[in-house]
């Protein structure tokens, strides 16, 4: 994909310092660190490296290093490819299902003040819902294994917490003796998932209040009182929560391509940016209420950056998690059993290496051979190697 004409880094370099100065009252070092990383990504400030073709010896010009910040739009492609390569051996020879659990918009004010707690509850409630409903003999009667990815944004960059779950269309029988396949066009009943998810999440939220895990500031201070908090939660039971499931789709190779759309996304990609002029940022967004029609939205640069920073995750927060027979402590035992029951063997390291094509490597522009890093340079070394600035002699 070609480099976009406008990047989030361009906005930060142009207006970031003034934005930080105007918003010091709420910005934390965590937010400033993200802005600095994105602004310096793939510039001389982070150093660089020299590459040489292992076949013909051609040397490329200095390539600047990436910031590797997980909120940077430019750094996620390589991270996504590494993650998918690591997951390839875990993909079972069966169809897969994509299920999305979304929190109601009424919870947004609470989420803003309790991101880590609420996001953890979202992971736990959605996973427990899938595992419990799937174990019920009336539905599937099996143990699932799946991974879940957290997204926190809407197309307009508003706060919209939801998780994407990618699940094999079936599971281990409860006695672990055979594989239980789901129906061809149906996985689990959506109305049951919605009801169970709502109940589990609200119960966990009440427990978090009792445990003193929730913070309440400003207009939410009154919610610290249990009776007021219970009254505030009550309307959430008067509406269905959004749980969406696609019919089972293609097998492992299709899933590898499908995963790339969700695993390492950030709030907005550089390719959605249209223009930046007179302090106004215009970007594309997809209107799902009108057949996914592409539209344009213009915001001031301050409002754009504030919305972008809404999606900075808490320090150390893990946004991709495994559950069921793919959980870290169970995967080594149960995943080989799943392959055996499906009549297949898990891929080896050699199989995965052989399946990669040459496009996975940076190829030489001269002969097409693989390029290899031969020297790493610090920011100071790059500056010393730069050509001297021309100075016009005085007449």
Protein backbone atom coordinates (compact mmCIF):
# COMPACT_ATOMS: atom_id res chain seq x y z
CA UNK A 1 0.00 0.00 0.00
CA UNK A 2 1.40 3.41 -0.97
CA UNK A 3 2.31 5.97 1.66
CA UNK A 4 -0.63 8.28 2.43
CA UNK A 5 -0.14 12.00 1.70
CA UNK A 6 -1.16 12.94 5.26
CA UNK A 7 -0.35 11.15 8.52
CA UNK A 8 -1.29 11.52 12.18
CA UNK A 9 2.42 12.24 12.75
CA UNK A 10 2.17 15.30 10.48
CA UNK A 11 -0.67 16.69 12.60
CA UNK A 12 1.30 16.14 15.81
CA UNK A 13 4.49 17.72 14.44
CA UNK A 14 2.54 20.72 13.23
CA UNK A 15 0.15 21.29 16.13
CA UNK A 16 1.17 18.90 18.90
CA UNK A 17 3.23 21.31 21.03
CA UNK A 18 0.46 23.94 21.06
CA UNK A 19 -2.11 21.23 21.79
CA UNK A 20 -0.14 20.01 24.81
CA UNK A 21 0.25 23.57 26.09
CA UNK A 22 -3.49 24.25 25.85
CA UNK A 23 -4.52 20.93 27.48
CA UNK A 24 -2.04 20.51 30.33
CA UNK A 25 -4.87 20.37 32.88
CA UNK A 26 -5.91 16.86 31.79
CA UNK A 27 -3.03 15.45 29.73
CA UNK A 28 -0.86 12.90 31.53
CA UNK A 29 2.69 11.83 30.71
CA UNK A 30 1.17 8.70 29.16
CA UNK A 31 -0.64 10.83 26.55
CA UNK A 32 2.40 13.01 25.86
CA UNK A 33 4.57 9.91 25.45
CA UNK A 34 2.25 8.57 22.74
CA UNK A 35 2.29 11.90 20.89
CA UNK A 36 6.10 12.10 21.07
CA UNK A 37 6.51 8.52 19.85
CA UNK A 38 4.24 9.01 16.84
CA UNK A 39 5.90 12.33 15.93
CA UNK A 40 9.40 10.78 16.02
CA UNK A 41 8.48 7.49 14.32
CA UNK A 42 10.68 6.75 11.30
CA UNK A 43 12.66 9.93 11.66
CA UNK A 44 16.36 10.44 12.39
CA UNK A 45 15.49 11.11 16.05
CA UNK A 46 15.10 7.36 16.66
CA UNK A 47 18.21 6.27 14.80
CA UNK A 48 18.26 3.93 11.85
CA UNK A 49 19.94 1.03 10.08
CA UNK A 50 21.69 0.11 6.86
CA UNK A 51 20.58 -2.89 4.79
CA UNK A 52 22.54 -4.94 2.28
CA UNK A 53 21.37 -7.50 -0.27
CA UNK A 54 22.62 -10.97 0.62
CA UNK A 55 22.73 -11.86 -3.09
CA UNK A 56 24.24 -8.94 -5.03
CA UNK A 57 25.62 -6.77 -2.24
CA UNK A 58 23.48 -3.72 -3.04
CA UNK A 59 23.27 -1.30 -0.11
CA UNK A 60 20.15 0.73 0.54
CA UNK A 61 20.10 4.23 1.97
CA UNK A 62 19.67 4.64 5.72
CA UNK A 63 16.25 3.48 6.94
CA UNK A 64 14.91 5.23 10.05
CA UNK A 65 13.66 3.13 12.97
CA UNK A 66 10.03 2.75 14.03
CA UNK A 67 8.76 3.87 17.44
CA UNK A 68 6.93 0.53 18.01
CA UNK A 69 4.30 2.27 20.11
CA UNK A 70 1.09 0.23 19.97
CA UNK A 71 -0.99 3.37 19.30
CA UNK A 72 1.09 4.44 16.28
CA UNK A 73 -0.68 4.00 12.91
CA UNK A 74 2.62 3.28 11.12
CA UNK A 75 3.95 0.58 13.46
CA UNK A 76 1.11 -1.93 13.47
CA UNK A 77 1.67 -3.71 10.15
CA UNK A 78 4.86 -5.47 11.25
CA UNK A 79 3.42 -6.22 14.70
CA UNK A 80 0.31 -7.71 13.11
CA UNK A 81 2.35 -9.94 10.79
CA UNK A 82 4.47 -11.22 13.69
CA UNK A 83 1.37 -11.99 15.74
CA UNK A 84 -0.40 -13.77 12.89
CA UNK A 85 2.71 -15.86 12.16
CA UNK A 86 2.79 -16.94 15.80
CA UNK A 87 -0.93 -17.84 15.71
CA UNK A 88 -0.74 -19.80 12.47
CA UNK A 89 0.07 -23.08 14.19
CA UNK A 90 -3.00 -22.67 16.45
CA UNK A 91 -5.57 -22.44 13.64
CA UNK A 92 -7.73 -25.55 13.50
CA UNK A 93 -8.90 -27.11 10.20
CA UNK A 94 -12.49 -25.95 10.59
CA UNK A 95 -14.71 -22.96 9.89
CA UNK A 96 -14.61 -19.96 12.22
CA UNK A 97 -17.13 -17.53 13.72
CA UNK A 98 -16.77 -13.81 14.46
CA UNK A 99 -18.77 -12.53 17.47
CA UNK A 100 -18.77 -8.90 18.72
CA UNK A 101 -19.82 -7.79 22.22
CA UNK A 102 -20.48 -4.04 22.69
CA UNK A 103 -21.02 -1.98 25.84
CA UNK A 104 -24.05 0.37 25.89
CA UNK A 105 -23.33 4.07 25.33
CA UNK A 106 -24.87 4.87 28.75
CA UNK A 107 -21.73 3.43 30.36
CA UNK A 108 -19.35 5.80 28.52
CA UNK A 109 -18.97 8.34 31.38
CA UNK A 110 -18.09 5.51 33.78
CA UNK A 111 -15.66 3.97 31.28
CA UNK A 112 -13.77 7.28 30.92
CA UNK A 113 -12.98 7.27 34.65
CA UNK A 114 -12.34 3.51 35.01
CA UNK A 115 -10.84 2.26 31.75
CA UNK A 116 -8.74 -0.60 33.10
CA UNK A 117 -11.46 -1.98 35.35
CA UNK A 118 -14.24 -1.71 32.75
CA UNK A 119 -12.16 -3.12 29.90
CA UNK A 120 -11.13 -6.07 32.09
CA UNK A 121 -14.80 -6.69 32.95
CA UNK A 122 -15.71 -6.54 29.26
CA UNK A 123 -13.14 -9.23 28.46
CA UNK A 124 -14.26 -11.42 31.38
CA UNK A 125 -18.03 -11.07 30.90
CA UNK A 126 -17.90 -11.72 27.14
CA UNK A 127 -15.61 -14.76 27.53
CA UNK A 128 -17.65 -16.26 30.38
CA UNK A 129 -20.82 -15.73 28.32
CA UNK A 130 -19.46 -17.65 25.33
CA UNK A 131 -18.04 -20.47 27.46
CA UNK A 132 -21.22 -20.87 29.55
CA UNK A 133 -23.70 -20.79 26.67
CA UNK A 134 -21.56 -23.15 24.57
CA UNK A 135 -21.34 -25.70 27.41
CA UNK A 136 -25.14 -25.88 27.63
CA UNK A 137 -26.27 -29.13 25.89
CA UNK A 138 -29.30 -27.26 24.54
CA UNK A 139 -26.99 -25.13 22.39
CA UNK A 140 -23.66 -26.80 21.61
CA UNK A 141 -22.59 -28.84 24.65
CA UNK A 142 -18.91 -28.18 24.05
CA UNK A 143 -15.88 -26.32 25.38
CA UNK A 144 -14.77 -23.45 23.15
CA UNK A 145 -11.32 -21.99 22.53
CA UNK A 146 -10.98 -18.47 21.13
CA UNK A 147 -9.12 -15.19 21.25
CA UNK A 148 -10.60 -11.76 21.88
CA UNK A 149 -9.42 -8.32 20.70
CA UNK A 150 -10.44 -5.04 22.36
CA UNK A 151 -11.41 -2.02 20.25
CA UNK A 152 -12.46 1.19 21.99
CA UNK A 153 -13.40 3.49 19.12
CA UNK A 154 -16.24 4.29 16.74
CA UNK A 155 -15.75 5.42 13.16
CA UNK A 156 -15.94 9.04 14.36
CA UNK A 157 -13.29 8.35 17.05
CA UNK A 158 -15.83 8.45 19.89
CA UNK A 159 -15.47 6.07 22.83
CA UNK A 160 -17.19 2.81 21.81
CA UNK A 161 -15.75 -0.16 23.75
CA UNK A 162 -16.33 -3.55 22.14
CA UNK A 163 -14.51 -6.85 21.73
CA UNK A 164 -14.08 -9.00 18.63
CA UNK A 165 -14.05 -12.74 19.34
CA UNK A 166 -12.80 -15.18 16.68
CA UNK A 167 -13.92 -18.72 17.51
CA UNK A 168 -13.68 -22.14 15.81
CA UNK A 169 -17.21 -23.20 14.78
CA UNK A 170 -17.35 -26.00 17.30
CA UNK A 171 -15.51 -27.24 20.37
CA UNK A 172 -14.32 -30.11 22.51
CA UNK A 173 -17.00 -32.36 23.94
CA UNK A 174 -17.27 -31.94 27.70
CA UNK A 175 -15.64 -35.35 28.25
CA UNK A 176 -12.86 -34.44 25.74
CA UNK A 177 -13.51 -37.52 23.60
CA UNK A 178 -14.69 -35.93 20.33
CA UNK A 179 -15.13 -32.66 18.44
CA UNK A 180 -18.60 -31.07 18.50
CA UNK A 181 -19.34 -29.29 15.23
CA UNK A 182 -21.81 -26.38 15.18
CA UNK A 183 -24.61 -26.11 12.64
CA UNK A 184 -23.71 -24.86 9.18
CA UNK A 185 -25.50 -21.49 9.37
CA UNK A 186 -25.83 -21.11 13.11
CA UNK A 187 -23.43 -21.01 16.04
CA UNK A 188 -25.04 -19.91 19.32
CA UNK A 189 -28.40 -18.16 19.92
CA UNK A 190 -27.85 -14.39 19.89
CA UNK A 191 -30.77 -13.59 22.19
CA UNK A 192 -29.28 -15.89 24.84
CA UNK A 193 -25.79 -14.38 24.44
CA UNK A 194 -27.22 -10.87 24.86
CA UNK A 195 -29.13 -11.73 28.02
CA UNK A 196 -26.28 -13.65 29.67
CA UNK A 197 -23.68 -11.01 28.73
CA UNK A 198 -25.80 -8.21 30.17
CA UNK A 199 -26.37 -10.10 33.41
CA UNK A 200 -22.73 -11.06 33.87
CA UNK A 201 -21.37 -7.60 33.12
CA UNK A 202 -23.78 -5.76 35.43
CA UNK A 203 -23.18 -8.28 38.24
CA UNK A 204 -19.42 -7.83 37.85
CA UNK A 205 -19.84 -4.04 37.87
CA UNK A 206 -21.77 -4.21 41.15
CA UNK A 207 -19.07 -6.43 42.64
CA UNK A 208 -16.40 -3.95 41.52
CA UNK A 209 -18.28 -1.21 43.39
CA UNK A 210 -18.43 -3.35 46.55
CA UNK A 211 -14.69 -4.06 46.23
CA UNK A 212 -13.90 -0.35 45.97
CA UNK A 213 -12.42 -0.74 42.47
CA UNK A 214 -14.43 2.04 40.78
CA UNK A 215 -13.54 5.73 40.78
CA UNK A 216 -16.16 8.49 40.59
CA UNK A 217 -15.25 12.11 39.88
CA UNK A 218 -17.12 15.26 38.97
CA UNK A 219 -20.71 14.64 37.94
CA UNK A 220 -20.40 10.92 38.76
CA UNK A 221 -19.45 11.43 42.42
CA UNK A 222 -22.95 10.58 43.65
CA UNK A 223 -22.67 7.08 42.10
CA UNK A 224 -20.33 6.07 44.90
CA UNK A 225 -23.47 5.48 46.98
CA UNK A 226 -24.71 1.89 46.35
CA UNK A 227 -28.42 2.79 46.11
CA UNK A 228 -27.83 5.58 43.60
CA UNK A 229 -25.45 3.32 41.63
CA UNK A 230 -28.09 0.56 41.53
CA UNK A 231 -30.73 3.04 40.30
CA UNK A 232 -28.30 4.30 37.65
CA UNK A 233 -27.75 0.74 36.39
CA UNK A 234 -31.43 -0.24 36.35
CA UNK A 235 -32.27 1.27 32.91
CA UNK A 236 -29.59 -0.94 31.34
CA UNK A 237 -31.92 -3.94 31.83
CA UNK A 238 -34.69 -2.29 29.83
CA UNK A 239 -32.89 -2.68 26.50
CA UNK A 240 -31.07 -5.41 24.62
CA UNK A 241 -27.30 -5.16 24.61
CA UNK A 242 -25.55 -5.38 21.25
CA UNK A 243 -24.08 -8.80 20.49
CA UNK A 244 -23.45 -9.52 16.84
CA UNK A 245 -22.39 -12.77 15.19
CA UNK A 246 -21.61 -13.52 11.57
CA UNK A 247 -22.47 -16.95 10.15
CA UNK A 248 -19.52 -19.41 10.21
CA UNK A 249 -17.01 -18.53 7.49
CA UNK A 250 -13.95 -20.06 5.75
CA UNK A 251 -11.13 -22.17 7.17
CA UNK A 252 -7.66 -21.43 8.57
CA UNK A 253 -6.08 -19.67 5.59
CA UNK A 254 -9.03 -17.31 5.22
CA UNK A 255 -8.93 -16.64 8.96
CA UNK A 256 -5.30 -15.51 8.72
CA UNK A 257 -6.35 -12.76 6.29
CA UNK A 258 -9.46 -11.98 8.33
CA UNK A 259 -7.49 -11.57 11.57
CA UNK A 260 -5.41 -8.80 10.08
CA UNK A 261 -8.44 -6.52 9.97
CA UNK A 262 -8.88 -6.56 13.73
CA UNK A 263 -5.85 -7.61 15.75
CA UNK A 264 -3.60 -4.55 15.55
CA UNK A 265 -5.86 -1.70 14.51
CA UNK A 266 -5.47 1.72 16.07
CA UNK A 267 -8.19 4.36 16.46
CA UNK A 268 -7.64 5.75 12.95
CA UNK A 269 -5.36 4.77 10.09
CA UNK A 270 -3.35 7.33 8.14
CA UNK A 271 -5.20 6.36 4.96
CA UNK A 272 -8.45 7.75 6.36
CA UNK A 273 -7.02 11.27 6.70
CA UNK A 274 -8.07 13.60 3.88
CA UNK A 275 -6.74 17.09 4.71
CA UNK A 276 -5.31 19.39 7.37
CA UNK A 277 -5.73 23.11 6.76
CA UNK A 278 -6.48 26.20 8.89
CA UNK A 279 -6.45 24.12 12.07
CA UNK A 280 -9.12 21.72 10.73
CA UNK A 281 -8.66 17.97 10.19
CA UNK A 282 -10.91 16.13 7.71
CA UNK A 283 -11.12 12.34 7.64
CA UNK A 284 -13.27 9.59 6.16
CA UNK A 285 -15.69 7.56 8.22
CA UNK A 286 -18.06 4.70 7.40
CA UNK A 287 -21.74 5.20 8.25
CA UNK A 288 -23.03 1.73 9.20
CA UNK A 289 -26.57 3.14 9.58
CA UNK A 290 -26.63 3.99 5.85
CA UNK A 291 -25.22 0.91 4.11
CA UNK A 292 -21.62 1.69 5.17
CA UNK A 293 -21.59 4.84 3.05
CA UNK A 294 -18.25 6.67 3.12
CA UNK A 295 -18.58 10.20 4.54
CA UNK A 296 -16.28 13.04 5.58
CA UNK A 297 -16.02 14.58 9.05
CA UNK A 298 -14.11 17.78 9.87
CA UNK A 299 -12.86 18.55 13.40
CA UNK A 300 -10.52 21.13 14.87
CA UNK A 301 -7.06 19.69 15.39
CA UNK A 302 -7.52 19.95 19.18
CA UNK A 303 -10.78 17.99 19.05
CA UNK A 304 -9.25 15.42 16.72
CA UNK A 305 -6.25 14.83 19.00
CA UNK A 306 -8.48 14.70 22.10
CA UNK A 307 -10.59 11.99 20.46
CA UNK A 308 -7.46 10.13 19.33
CA UNK A 309 -6.05 10.14 22.88
CA UNK A 310 -9.32 8.75 24.28
CA UNK A 311 -8.10 5.39 23.00
CA UNK A 312 -4.71 5.29 24.71
CA UNK A 313 -4.82 2.10 26.76
CA UNK A 314 -3.78 1.83 30.43
CA UNK A 315 -0.11 1.01 30.94
CA UNK A 316 0.59 -2.70 30.53
CA UNK A 317 -2.97 -3.48 29.47
CA UNK A 318 -3.22 -6.62 27.28
CA UNK A 319 -5.68 -6.03 24.45
CA UNK A 320 -5.53 -9.50 22.83
CA UNK A 321 -6.45 -12.40 25.15
CA UNK A 322 -7.04 -16.15 24.82
CA UNK A 323 -9.77 -18.17 26.50
CA UNK A 324 -11.09 -21.74 26.77
CA UNK A 325 -8.82 -24.41 25.35
CA UNK A 326 -6.59 -21.64 23.92
CA UNK A 327 -5.94 -20.15 27.39
CA UNK A 328 -2.21 -20.03 28.10
CA UNK A 329 -2.25 -22.66 30.86
CA UNK A 330 -4.38 -25.13 28.84
CA UNK A 331 -3.25 -24.64 25.24
CA UNK A 332 -0.28 -27.02 25.34
CA UNK A 333 -2.50 -29.93 26.43
CA UNK A 334 -5.84 -29.30 24.73
CA UNK A 335 -4.84 -27.81 21.36
CA UNK A 336 -3.02 -30.98 20.15
CA UNK A 337 -6.09 -32.96 21.29
CA UNK A 338 -8.33 -30.73 19.13
CA UNK A 339 -6.12 -31.34 16.09
CA UNK A 340 -6.18 -35.09 16.75
CA UNK A 341 -9.98 -35.19 17.05
CA UNK A 342 -10.28 -33.21 13.81
CA UNK A 343 -8.00 -35.69 12.03
CA UNK A 344 -5.16 -33.23 11.42
CA UNK A 345 -1.68 -32.50 12.70
CA UNK A 346 -0.61 -29.08 13.98
CA UNK A 347 1.77 -27.17 11.75
CA UNK A 348 5.45 -27.32 12.64
CA UNK A 349 7.91 -24.43 12.58
CA UNK A 350 9.23 -25.76 9.26
CA UNK A 351 5.75 -25.89 7.71
CA UNK A 352 5.11 -22.28 8.68
CA UNK A 353 8.52 -21.16 7.43
CA UNK A 354 8.03 -22.95 4.10
CA UNK A 355 4.56 -21.43 3.64
CA UNK A 356 5.89 -17.87 3.78
CA UNK A 357 6.43 -16.30 0.39
CA UNK A 358 9.10 -13.87 -0.62
CA UNK A 359 6.80 -10.89 -0.06
CA UNK A 360 7.32 -11.40 3.70
CA UNK A 361 10.92 -10.16 3.28
CA UNK A 362 12.30 -6.81 2.22
CA UNK A 363 13.63 -7.55 -1.24
CA UNK A 364 16.51 -5.93 -3.08
CA UNK A 365 15.37 -3.39 -5.71
CA UNK A 366 18.24 -4.50 -7.98
CA UNK A 367 18.08 -8.31 -8.03
CA UNK A 368 15.10 -9.27 -5.85
CA UNK A 369 17.24 -10.98 -3.22
CA UNK A 370 16.57 -10.66 0.54
CA UNK A 371 17.93 -7.59 2.31
CA UNK A 372 19.65 -7.93 5.70
CA UNK A 373 20.52 -5.34 8.37
CA UNK A 374 24.33 -4.90 8.49
CA UNK A 375 24.68 -1.81 10.68
CA UNK A 376 22.56 0.02 13.26
CA UNK A 377 22.99 3.75 13.76
CA UNK A 378 22.12 6.07 16.62
CA UNK A 379 20.51 9.47 16.06
CA UNK A 380 23.91 11.12 16.61
CA UNK A 381 25.64 8.84 14.11
CA UNK A 382 22.98 9.63 11.51
CA UNK A 383 23.50 13.36 12.07
CA UNK A 384 27.27 12.97 11.66
CA UNK A 385 26.75 11.11 8.37
CA UNK A 386 24.39 13.76 6.99
CA UNK A 387 25.87 16.06 4.33
CA UNK A 388 27.03 19.42 5.72
CA UNK A 389 24.71 22.41 5.35
CA UNK A 390 25.81 24.72 2.54
CA UNK A 391 26.79 28.19 3.72
CA UNK A 392 27.07 31.01 1.22
CA UNK A 393 30.39 32.84 1.63
CA UNK A 394 30.16 36.53 2.46
CA UNK A 395 30.91 38.79 -0.44
